[in-house]
């Protein structure tokens, strides 16, 4: 099976930086040749589907994803604060806003599919935890990160976005099955918006990874990508054991090790 064509390439359609995307895909291909990520394997979907007959688990999963999207927005803001490139900062600012909106969209999915599931108190508690949808630099004194560190961050962000898109693809038919007929048009609009955003995130980070990789030795970039790739796989393996608690959600975007 060509995992890249199945899970990654569709999100890259229409990219204007073909050569940079090709460099990124070559790095991803190297990672897959070392080990196939758990989220590309059949067992990942089987594990997910073993829980979805329980609507409470599905609701908890959506809440967990909403919280994680908020954490992701804050992580991205910390990257943007330390980014020297104004062009990349602009891309990150869009991504930050998208993640913050996704927090609210996951709650919207609950209201659409399970209309009486969220109490007003719970909804208000969750909304208070969500970040602003508008990025503003928090401090002018944040040390700027090197291009190498920004490449490291972008690799981690990209891997998380690929996995998030796979989660969405697993969730889509489940939510369609649970959704009241009169709400399915609204559900479709929300799911389409989420899918489009995630594809944009995968696309711009892929292009940026390819472009930044030209500034360093091919061996050094490959080693960095493979290290983060394998770390992310190990994190995903650990998280598979937590799905029974409704914690099927995106991983932390950044690690500093």
Protein backbone atom coordinates (compact mmCIF):
# COMPACT_ATOMS: atom_id res chain seq x y z
CA UNK A 1 0.00 0.00 0.00
CA UNK A 2 1.31 3.48 -0.83
CA UNK A 3 0.69 5.19 2.50
CA UNK A 4 1.74 8.62 1.27
CA UNK A 5 -0.72 8.56 -1.62
CA UNK A 6 -3.48 7.33 0.68
CA UNK A 7 -3.01 9.63 3.66
CA UNK A 8 -0.78 12.60 2.85
CA UNK A 9 -0.70 13.49 -0.86
CA UNK A 10 -4.45 14.35 -1.09
CA UNK A 11 -3.92 17.18 1.40
CA UNK A 12 -1.13 18.64 -0.74
CA UNK A 13 -3.22 19.17 -3.88
CA UNK A 14 -2.76 22.59 -5.42
CA UNK A 15 0.50 23.41 -3.67
CA UNK A 16 2.44 26.13 -5.45
CA UNK A 17 5.81 24.88 -4.16
CA UNK A 18 6.14 21.54 -5.90
CA UNK A 19 9.88 21.12 -5.34
CA UNK A 20 9.61 21.88 -1.63
CA UNK A 21 6.71 19.44 -1.27
CA UNK A 22 8.75 16.77 -3.05
CA UNK A 23 11.56 17.20 -0.51
CA UNK A 24 9.03 16.87 2.31
CA UNK A 25 7.49 13.74 0.78
CA UNK A 26 10.95 12.20 0.42
CA UNK A 27 11.52 12.72 4.15
CA UNK A 28 8.13 11.17 4.96
CA UNK A 29 8.90 8.23 2.66
CA UNK A 30 12.16 7.65 4.54
CA UNK A 31 10.22 7.62 7.80
CA UNK A 32 7.71 5.08 6.52
CA UNK A 33 10.51 2.86 5.24
CA UNK A 34 11.85 2.79 8.80
CA UNK A 35 8.47 2.13 10.42
CA UNK A 36 4.85 2.57 9.37
CA UNK A 37 3.09 4.98 11.74
CA UNK A 38 0.38 3.39 13.89
CA UNK A 39 -2.19 5.87 12.55
CA UNK A 40 -1.61 4.54 9.01
CA UNK A 41 -2.34 0.95 10.06
CA UNK A 42 -5.64 -0.93 10.11
CA UNK A 43 -5.40 -1.61 13.84
CA UNK A 44 -5.67 2.09 14.59
CA UNK A 45 -9.05 2.34 12.93
CA UNK A 46 -10.17 -0.96 14.44
CA UNK A 47 -9.32 0.34 17.91
CA UNK A 48 -11.30 3.51 17.26
CA UNK A 49 -14.32 1.69 15.84
CA UNK A 50 -14.42 -0.68 18.81
CA UNK A 51 -15.61 2.24 20.95
CA UNK A 52 -17.93 4.23 18.73
CA UNK A 53 -21.10 2.30 19.55
CA UNK A 54 -20.95 4.11 22.88
CA UNK A 55 -22.23 7.67 22.27
CA UNK A 56 -20.78 8.83 25.59
CA UNK A 57 -17.32 7.81 24.39
CA UNK A 58 -17.85 9.72 21.14
CA UNK A 59 -18.94 12.83 23.05
CA UNK A 60 -15.95 12.59 25.38
CA UNK A 61 -13.67 12.18 22.37
CA UNK A 62 -15.07 15.38 20.83
CA UNK A 63 -14.58 17.27 24.10
CA UNK A 64 -11.02 15.96 24.35
CA UNK A 65 -10.29 17.08 20.81
CA UNK A 66 -11.72 20.53 21.53
CA UNK A 67 -9.39 20.92 24.50
CA UNK A 68 -6.40 19.67 22.51
CA UNK A 69 -7.12 22.12 19.69
CA UNK A 70 -6.93 24.92 22.25
CA UNK A 71 -3.61 23.62 23.53
CA UNK A 72 -2.39 23.42 19.95
CA UNK A 73 -3.35 27.05 19.34
CA UNK A 74 -1.32 28.13 22.37
CA UNK A 75 1.66 25.99 21.31
CA UNK A 76 1.58 27.59 17.87
CA UNK A 77 1.42 31.05 19.42
CA UNK A 78 4.62 30.34 21.33
CA UNK A 79 6.28 29.33 18.06
CA UNK A 80 5.01 32.45 16.29
CA UNK A 81 6.29 34.64 19.15
CA UNK A 82 9.82 33.35 18.55
CA UNK A 83 9.73 33.27 14.74
CA UNK A 84 12.09 35.58 12.88
CA UNK A 85 10.41 35.21 9.48
CA UNK A 86 7.43 37.52 9.03
CA UNK A 87 6.22 35.36 6.15
CA UNK A 88 6.16 32.23 8.29
CA UNK A 89 4.66 34.17 11.21
CA UNK A 90 1.76 35.11 8.94
CA UNK A 91 1.15 31.44 8.13
CA UNK A 92 1.33 30.53 11.81
CA UNK A 93 -1.10 33.32 12.75
CA UNK A 94 -3.70 31.85 10.38
CA UNK A 95 -3.10 28.40 11.84
CA UNK A 96 -3.41 29.75 15.40
CA UNK A 97 -6.80 31.22 14.59
CA UNK A 98 -7.96 28.05 12.89
CA UNK A 99 -7.07 25.91 15.92
CA UNK A 100 -8.87 28.31 18.25
CA UNK A 101 -11.96 28.18 16.04
CA UNK A 102 -11.76 24.39 15.94
CA UNK A 103 -12.19 24.29 19.73
CA UNK A 104 -15.58 25.85 19.26
CA UNK A 105 -16.39 23.78 16.18
CA UNK A 106 -15.92 20.54 18.11
CA UNK A 107 -18.46 21.77 20.64
CA UNK A 108 -20.69 22.70 17.72
CA UNK A 109 -20.38 19.11 16.48
CA UNK A 110 -21.65 17.87 19.83
CA UNK A 111 -24.62 20.25 19.72
CA UNK A 112 -25.38 19.19 16.14
CA UNK A 113 -25.07 15.44 16.59
CA UNK A 114 -26.09 15.09 20.25
CA UNK A 115 -28.32 18.16 20.78
CA UNK A 116 -28.96 17.72 24.50
CA UNK A 117 -25.59 16.32 25.56
CA UNK A 118 -23.86 19.50 26.78
CA UNK A 119 -25.22 21.36 29.77
CA UNK A 120 -24.96 25.13 29.73
CA UNK A 121 -22.54 25.00 32.67
CA UNK A 122 -20.23 22.52 30.96
CA UNK A 123 -20.30 24.46 27.70
CA UNK A 124 -19.46 27.70 29.51
CA UNK A 125 -16.64 26.03 31.45
CA UNK A 126 -15.12 24.74 28.23
CA UNK A 127 -15.51 28.03 26.37
CA UNK A 128 -13.66 29.84 29.16
CA UNK A 129 -10.66 27.56 28.56
CA UNK A 130 -10.43 28.28 24.84
CA UNK A 131 -7.91 30.78 23.47
CA UNK A 132 -8.69 33.85 21.41
CA UNK A 133 -9.09 33.33 17.68
CA UNK A 134 -6.86 36.35 17.01
CA UNK A 135 -3.10 36.02 17.39
CA UNK A 136 -1.23 38.82 19.10
CA UNK A 137 2.45 38.59 20.01
CA UNK A 138 2.59 38.16 23.77
CA UNK A 139 6.00 39.73 24.34
CA UNK A 140 8.57 41.68 22.39
CA UNK A 141 11.36 40.15 24.47
CA UNK A 142 10.93 36.51 23.40
CA UNK A 143 14.26 35.15 22.04
CA UNK A 144 14.09 34.37 18.33
CA UNK A 145 14.52 30.74 17.37
CA UNK A 146 17.07 29.59 14.82
CA UNK A 147 15.91 28.32 11.41
CA UNK A 148 16.96 24.83 12.54
CA UNK A 149 14.66 24.98 15.55
CA UNK A 150 11.82 26.31 13.40
CA UNK A 151 12.33 23.35 11.07
CA UNK A 152 12.11 21.07 14.11
CA UNK A 153 8.85 22.70 15.22
CA UNK A 154 7.33 22.52 11.74
CA UNK A 155 8.09 18.80 11.46
CA UNK A 156 6.33 18.14 14.76
CA UNK A 157 3.37 20.33 13.82
CA UNK A 158 3.03 18.63 10.44
CA UNK A 159 3.00 15.12 11.90
CA UNK A 160 0.30 16.15 14.35
CA UNK A 161 -1.80 17.65 11.56
CA UNK A 162 -1.54 14.48 9.46
CA UNK A 163 -2.78 12.41 12.37
CA UNK A 164 -5.56 14.88 13.13
CA UNK A 165 -6.82 14.60 9.55
CA UNK A 166 -6.94 10.81 9.91
CA UNK A 167 -8.94 11.22 13.13
CA UNK A 168 -11.40 13.38 11.28
CA UNK A 169 -11.80 10.79 8.54
CA UNK A 170 -12.54 8.16 11.18
CA UNK A 171 -15.03 10.44 12.94
CA UNK A 172 -16.95 11.58 9.89
CA UNK A 173 -19.05 8.42 9.24
CA UNK A 174 -19.63 7.95 12.97
CA UNK A 175 -21.05 11.44 13.36
CA UNK A 176 -23.13 11.02 10.21
CA UNK A 177 -24.65 7.85 11.68
CA UNK A 178 -25.53 9.48 15.02
CA UNK A 179 -26.70 12.82 13.63
CA UNK A 180 -30.44 13.60 13.51
CA UNK A 181 -31.60 13.86 9.93
CA UNK A 182 -32.59 17.51 10.26
CA UNK A 183 -29.04 18.44 11.36
CA UNK A 184 -27.05 16.57 8.71
CA UNK A 185 -26.64 19.54 6.39
CA UNK A 186 -25.16 21.59 9.23
CA UNK A 187 -22.92 18.66 10.18
CA UNK A 188 -21.63 18.39 6.63
CA UNK A 189 -20.70 22.07 6.53
CA UNK A 190 -18.75 21.83 9.79
CA UNK A 191 -16.93 18.66 8.77
CA UNK A 192 -16.03 20.14 5.38
CA UNK A 193 -14.62 23.25 7.03
CA UNK A 194 -12.54 21.18 9.46
CA UNK A 195 -11.23 18.98 6.65
CA UNK A 196 -10.31 21.96 4.50
CA UNK A 197 -8.46 23.64 7.34
CA UNK A 198 -6.45 20.53 8.21
CA UNK A 199 -5.44 20.05 4.58
CA UNK A 200 -4.25 23.66 4.47
CA UNK A 201 -2.20 23.11 7.62
CA UNK A 202 -0.58 19.98 6.20
CA UNK A 203 0.13 21.78 2.92
CA UNK A 204 1.79 24.91 4.29
CA UNK A 205 3.90 23.04 6.86
CA UNK A 206 5.00 20.56 4.17
CA UNK A 207 6.09 23.44 1.92
CA UNK A 208 7.90 25.17 4.76
CA UNK A 209 9.70 21.97 5.78
CA UNK A 210 10.86 21.44 2.21
CA UNK A 211 12.03 25.04 1.86
CA UNK A 212 13.87 25.16 5.20
CA UNK A 213 15.49 21.78 4.59
CA UNK A 214 17.50 23.35 1.74
CA UNK A 215 19.43 25.41 4.29
CA UNK A 216 20.98 22.37 5.99
CA UNK A 217 22.72 19.14 5.12
CA UNK A 218 20.49 16.42 3.74
CA UNK A 219 21.77 13.94 6.34
CA UNK A 220 21.09 16.28 9.28
CA UNK A 221 17.54 17.04 8.09
CA UNK A 222 16.80 13.37 7.49
CA UNK A 223 18.06 12.46 10.99
CA UNK A 224 15.91 15.16 12.58
CA UNK A 225 12.80 14.13 10.68
CA UNK A 226 13.29 10.45 11.51
CA UNK A 227 13.84 11.21 15.20
CA UNK A 228 10.65 13.24 15.48
CA UNK A 229 8.80 10.73 13.30
CA UNK A 230 9.70 7.83 15.61
CA UNK A 231 8.99 9.86 18.77
CA UNK A 232 5.55 10.71 17.45
CA UNK A 233 4.89 7.06 16.66
CA UNK A 234 5.84 6.05 20.22
CA UNK A 235 3.53 8.71 21.65
CA UNK A 236 0.71 7.42 19.44
CA UNK A 237 1.35 3.84 20.56
CA UNK A 238 0.97 4.94 24.19
CA UNK A 239 -2.18 6.87 23.44
CA UNK A 240 -3.88 3.86 21.85
CA UNK A 241 -4.19 2.41 25.34
CA UNK A 242 -6.06 5.53 26.50
CA UNK A 243 -8.84 5.43 23.93
CA UNK A 244 -11.19 3.59 26.26
CA UNK A 245 -11.33 6.79 28.34
CA UNK A 246 -12.43 8.91 25.41
CA UNK A 247 -9.00 10.43 24.92
CA UNK A 248 -8.64 9.73 21.22
CA UNK A 249 -7.25 13.15 20.43
CA UNK A 250 -4.40 15.10 18.91
CA UNK A 251 -0.97 14.81 20.45
CA UNK A 252 0.91 17.79 21.88
CA UNK A 253 2.31 19.72 18.96
CA UNK A 254 5.77 20.42 20.32
CA UNK A 255 8.54 18.70 22.23
CA UNK A 256 11.75 20.52 23.13
CA UNK A 257 14.04 17.53 23.54
